[in-house]
Amino acid sequence: MSDQVPIIAQKAPFPTEVEEGKSYFWCACGRSKNQPFCDGSHKGTGMAPVKYTAEASKKVFFCGCKQSAKAPLCDGVHKTL
């Protein structure tokens, strides 16, 4: 685990259409220019992306504030920031 604090990318979730069986790598550090997904910007931070494999083709809400207890998905905590 890292002692680094993630950067808040935005104080709202990222609604994203996902495809059943496909894996996505959610940016946990907040530094990616390709939010909500990892672009490698975490290198050197001690943080790593979170793998998410879609169970169904549907819209999901990836966490944008990087504080969710249900990461990589939004749990509404951004409303308290």
N, C-alpha and C. Protein backbone atom coordinates (compact mmCIF):
# COMPACT_ATOMS: atom_id res chain seq x y z
N MET A 1 0.84 -1.19 0.00
CA MET A 1 0.00 0.00 0.00
C MET A 1 0.88 1.24 0.00
N SER A 2 0.37 2.29 -0.57
CA SER A 2 1.14 3.52 -0.72
C SER A 2 0.83 4.51 0.39
N ASP A 3 1.81 5.37 0.68
CA ASP A 3 1.55 6.46 1.61
C ASP A 3 1.16 7.72 0.84
N GLN A 4 1.15 7.61 -0.48
CA GLN A 4 0.74 8.72 -1.33
C GLN A 4 -0.77 8.92 -1.23
N VAL A 5 -1.21 10.14 -1.45
CA VAL A 5 -2.64 10.46 -1.45
C VAL A 5 -3.06 10.67 -2.90
N PRO A 6 -4.14 10.03 -3.32
CA PRO A 6 -4.57 10.23 -4.71
C PRO A 6 -5.07 11.66 -4.95
N ILE A 7 -4.92 12.11 -6.17
CA ILE A 7 -5.43 13.41 -6.60
C ILE A 7 -6.90 13.23 -6.98
N ILE A 8 -7.75 14.15 -6.59
CA ILE A 8 -9.16 14.09 -6.98
C ILE A 8 -9.26 14.51 -8.44
N ALA A 9 -9.64 13.58 -9.31
CA ALA A 9 -9.76 13.88 -10.74
C ALA A 9 -10.99 14.75 -10.99
N GLN A 10 -12.09 14.40 -10.35
CA GLN A 10 -13.31 15.21 -10.38
C GLN A 10 -14.22 14.77 -9.25
N LYS A 11 -15.07 15.69 -8.79
CA LYS A 11 -15.98 15.38 -7.67
C LYS A 11 -17.31 14.87 -8.21
N ALA A 12 -17.23 13.87 -9.07
CA ALA A 12 -18.40 13.22 -9.66
C ALA A 12 -17.90 11.92 -10.29
N PRO A 13 -18.78 10.95 -10.46
CA PRO A 13 -18.37 9.71 -11.10
C PRO A 13 -18.20 9.88 -12.61
N PHE A 14 -17.57 8.90 -13.23
CA PHE A 14 -17.43 8.83 -14.68
C PHE A 14 -18.39 7.77 -15.20
N PRO A 15 -19.55 8.16 -15.77
CA PRO A 15 -20.46 7.15 -16.35
C PRO A 15 -19.79 6.55 -17.58
N THR A 16 -19.69 5.23 -17.62
CA THR A 16 -18.95 4.55 -18.68
C THR A 16 -19.67 3.29 -19.13
N GLU A 17 -19.82 3.13 -20.43
CA GLU A 17 -20.37 1.89 -20.97
C GLU A 17 -19.25 0.85 -20.98
N VAL A 18 -19.48 -0.29 -20.33
CA VAL A 18 -18.49 -1.36 -20.31
C VAL A 18 -19.04 -2.57 -21.07
N GLU A 19 -18.12 -3.41 -21.51
CA GLU A 19 -18.46 -4.57 -22.32
C GLU A 19 -18.23 -5.85 -21.51
N GLU A 20 -19.22 -6.72 -21.48
CA GLU A 20 -19.14 -7.97 -20.73
C GLU A 20 -17.87 -8.74 -21.04
N GLY A 21 -17.15 -9.15 -19.97
CA GLY A 21 -15.93 -9.94 -20.11
C GLY A 21 -14.68 -9.13 -20.35
N LYS A 22 -14.81 -7.85 -20.66
CA LYS A 22 -13.64 -7.00 -20.92
C LYS A 22 -13.09 -6.46 -19.60
N SER A 23 -11.77 -6.36 -19.52
CA SER A 23 -11.12 -5.80 -18.33
C SER A 23 -10.73 -4.35 -18.56
N TYR A 24 -10.89 -3.56 -17.51
CA TYR A 24 -10.56 -2.14 -17.54
C TYR A 24 -9.63 -1.87 -16.37
N PHE A 25 -8.73 -0.92 -16.53
CA PHE A 25 -7.80 -0.57 -15.45
C PHE A 25 -8.08 0.85 -15.01
N TRP A 26 -8.74 0.96 -13.85
CA TRP A 26 -9.17 2.24 -13.29
C TRP A 26 -7.98 2.95 -12.65
N CYS A 27 -7.86 4.23 -12.96
CA CYS A 27 -6.80 5.06 -12.38
C CYS A 27 -7.10 5.30 -10.91
N ALA A 28 -6.23 4.85 -10.03
CA ALA A 28 -6.41 5.03 -8.59
C ALA A 28 -5.67 6.27 -8.07
N CYS A 29 -4.73 6.79 -8.84
CA CYS A 29 -3.89 7.89 -8.35
C CYS A 29 -4.46 9.27 -8.70
N GLY A 30 -5.31 9.34 -9.71
CA GLY A 30 -5.89 10.60 -10.13
C GLY A 30 -5.05 11.39 -11.11
N ARG A 31 -3.88 10.86 -11.49
CA ARG A 31 -2.96 11.60 -12.36
C ARG A 31 -3.16 11.33 -13.85
N SER A 32 -3.89 10.29 -14.20
CA SER A 32 -4.07 9.91 -15.60
C SER A 32 -4.74 11.02 -16.41
N LYS A 33 -4.29 11.21 -17.64
CA LYS A 33 -4.93 12.15 -18.56
C LYS A 33 -6.07 11.46 -19.31
N ASN A 34 -6.24 10.16 -19.05
CA ASN A 34 -7.25 9.34 -19.73
C ASN A 34 -8.30 8.85 -18.72
N GLN A 35 -8.76 9.75 -17.82
CA GLN A 35 -9.71 9.38 -16.78
C GLN A 35 -10.97 8.74 -17.37
N PRO A 36 -11.54 7.74 -16.74
CA PRO A 36 -11.17 7.20 -15.42
C PRO A 36 -10.14 6.09 -15.49
N PHE A 37 -9.51 5.93 -16.66
CA PHE A 37 -8.60 4.80 -16.86
C PHE A 37 -7.13 5.19 -16.71
N CYS A 38 -6.33 4.19 -16.40
CA CYS A 38 -4.90 4.36 -16.19
C CYS A 38 -4.17 4.65 -17.51
N ASP A 39 -3.23 5.59 -17.46
CA ASP A 39 -2.35 5.84 -18.60
C ASP A 39 -0.88 5.70 -18.21
N GLY A 40 -0.63 5.14 -17.02
CA GLY A 40 0.74 4.94 -16.56
C GLY A 40 1.30 6.09 -15.73
N SER A 41 0.52 7.13 -15.52
CA SER A 41 1.00 8.31 -14.78
C SER A 41 1.31 8.02 -13.31
N HIS A 42 0.87 6.88 -12.80
CA HIS A 42 1.12 6.52 -11.39
C HIS A 42 2.56 6.09 -11.13
N LYS A 43 3.31 5.83 -12.17
CA LYS A 43 4.68 5.31 -12.00
C LYS A 43 5.48 6.23 -11.07
N GLY A 44 6.08 5.62 -10.05
CA GLY A 44 6.87 6.36 -9.09
C GLY A 44 6.07 6.85 -7.88
N THR A 45 4.75 6.63 -7.88
CA THR A 45 3.92 7.09 -6.77
C THR A 45 3.71 6.01 -5.71
N GLY A 46 3.96 4.75 -6.08
CA GLY A 46 3.67 3.65 -5.17
C GLY A 46 2.22 3.18 -5.29
N MET A 47 1.44 3.86 -6.12
CA MET A 47 0.05 3.47 -6.34
C MET A 47 -0.05 2.66 -7.63
N ALA A 48 -1.12 1.90 -7.76
CA ALA A 48 -1.32 1.08 -8.95
C ALA A 48 -2.79 1.11 -9.35
N PRO A 49 -3.07 0.90 -10.63
CA PRO A 49 -4.47 0.88 -11.07
C PRO A 49 -5.21 -0.33 -10.51
N VAL A 50 -6.54 -0.25 -10.55
CA VAL A 50 -7.39 -1.33 -10.08
C VAL A 50 -8.05 -1.97 -11.29
N LYS A 51 -7.88 -3.29 -11.41
CA LYS A 51 -8.49 -4.02 -12.53
C LYS A 51 -9.97 -4.24 -12.26
N TYR A 52 -10.79 -3.94 -13.26
CA TYR A 52 -12.23 -4.16 -13.19
C TYR A 52 -12.63 -4.97 -14.41
N THR A 53 -13.25 -6.13 -14.19
CA THR A 53 -13.74 -6.95 -15.29
C THR A 53 -15.25 -6.88 -15.29
N ALA A 54 -15.81 -6.43 -16.41
CA ALA A 54 -17.25 -6.24 -16.52
C ALA A 54 -17.98 -7.57 -16.51
N GLU A 55 -18.97 -7.68 -15.64
CA GLU A 55 -19.80 -8.89 -15.55
C GLU A 55 -20.91 -8.88 -16.58
N ALA A 56 -21.23 -7.68 -17.08
CA ALA A 56 -22.28 -7.53 -18.09
C ALA A 56 -21.99 -6.27 -18.90
N SER A 57 -22.54 -6.21 -20.11
CA SER A 57 -22.44 -4.99 -20.91
C SER A 57 -23.50 -4.02 -20.39
N LYS A 58 -23.04 -2.91 -19.80
CA LYS A 58 -23.95 -1.94 -19.21
C LYS A 58 -23.19 -0.68 -18.87
N LYS A 59 -23.91 0.32 -18.34
CA LYS A 59 -23.27 1.55 -17.88
C LYS A 59 -22.91 1.37 -16.41
N VAL A 60 -21.67 1.69 -16.07
CA VAL A 60 -21.24 1.69 -14.67
C VAL A 60 -20.71 3.09 -14.36
N PHE A 61 -20.54 3.37 -13.07
CA PHE A 61 -20.08 4.69 -12.65
C PHE A 61 -18.75 4.52 -11.92
N PHE A 62 -17.65 4.80 -12.65
CA PHE A 62 -16.32 4.72 -12.05
C PHE A 62 -16.08 5.94 -11.17
N CYS A 63 -15.47 5.72 -10.02
CA CYS A 63 -15.17 6.78 -9.07
C CYS A 63 -14.25 7.83 -9.70
N GLY A 64 -14.62 9.10 -9.54
CA GLY A 64 -13.80 10.20 -10.05
C GLY A 64 -12.99 10.88 -8.97
N CYS A 65 -13.44 10.76 -7.70
CA CYS A 65 -12.74 11.45 -6.60
C CYS A 65 -11.62 10.60 -6.01
N LYS A 66 -11.58 9.31 -6.36
CA LYS A 66 -10.54 8.38 -5.90
C LYS A 66 -10.62 8.07 -4.41
N GLN A 67 -11.78 8.34 -3.79
CA GLN A 67 -11.96 8.11 -2.35
C GLN A 67 -12.95 6.99 -2.05
N SER A 68 -13.56 6.39 -3.07
CA SER A 68 -14.63 5.41 -2.88
C SER A 68 -14.16 4.17 -2.11
N ALA A 69 -14.99 3.73 -1.18
CA ALA A 69 -14.72 2.48 -0.46
C ALA A 69 -15.05 1.28 -1.34
N LYS A 70 -15.75 1.51 -2.45
CA LYS A 70 -16.11 0.44 -3.38
C LYS A 70 -15.32 0.54 -4.68
N ALA A 71 -14.14 1.14 -4.61
CA ALA A 71 -13.31 1.34 -5.81
C ALA A 71 -13.16 0.04 -6.59
N PRO A 72 -13.26 0.13 -7.90
CA PRO A 72 -13.18 1.33 -8.72
C PRO A 72 -14.52 2.03 -8.97
N LEU A 73 -15.60 1.52 -8.38
CA LEU A 73 -16.91 2.11 -8.64
C LEU A 73 -17.26 3.17 -7.59
N CYS A 74 -18.08 4.11 -8.00
CA CYS A 74 -18.51 5.22 -7.14
C CYS A 74 -19.40 4.71 -6.01
N ASP A 75 -19.19 5.25 -4.81
CA ASP A 75 -20.07 4.93 -3.68
C ASP A 75 -20.75 6.20 -3.13
N GLY A 76 -20.58 7.33 -3.84
CA GLY A 76 -21.22 8.57 -3.45
C GLY A 76 -20.42 9.44 -2.50
N VAL A 77 -19.24 9.00 -2.10
CA VAL A 77 -18.44 9.75 -1.12
C VAL A 77 -18.05 11.14 -1.64
N HIS A 78 -18.03 11.33 -2.96
CA HIS A 78 -17.66 12.63 -3.53
C HIS A 78 -18.60 13.75 -3.05
N LYS A 79 -19.82 13.38 -2.64
CA LYS A 79 -20.79 14.37 -2.17
C LYS A 79 -20.37 14.99 -0.84
N THR A 80 -19.43 14.35 -0.14
CA THR A 80 -18.99 14.84 1.17
C THR A 80 -17.66 15.61 1.10
N LEU A 81 -17.07 15.70 -0.08
CA LEU A 81 -15.77 16.35 -0.22
C LEU A 81 -15.88 17.85 -0.39
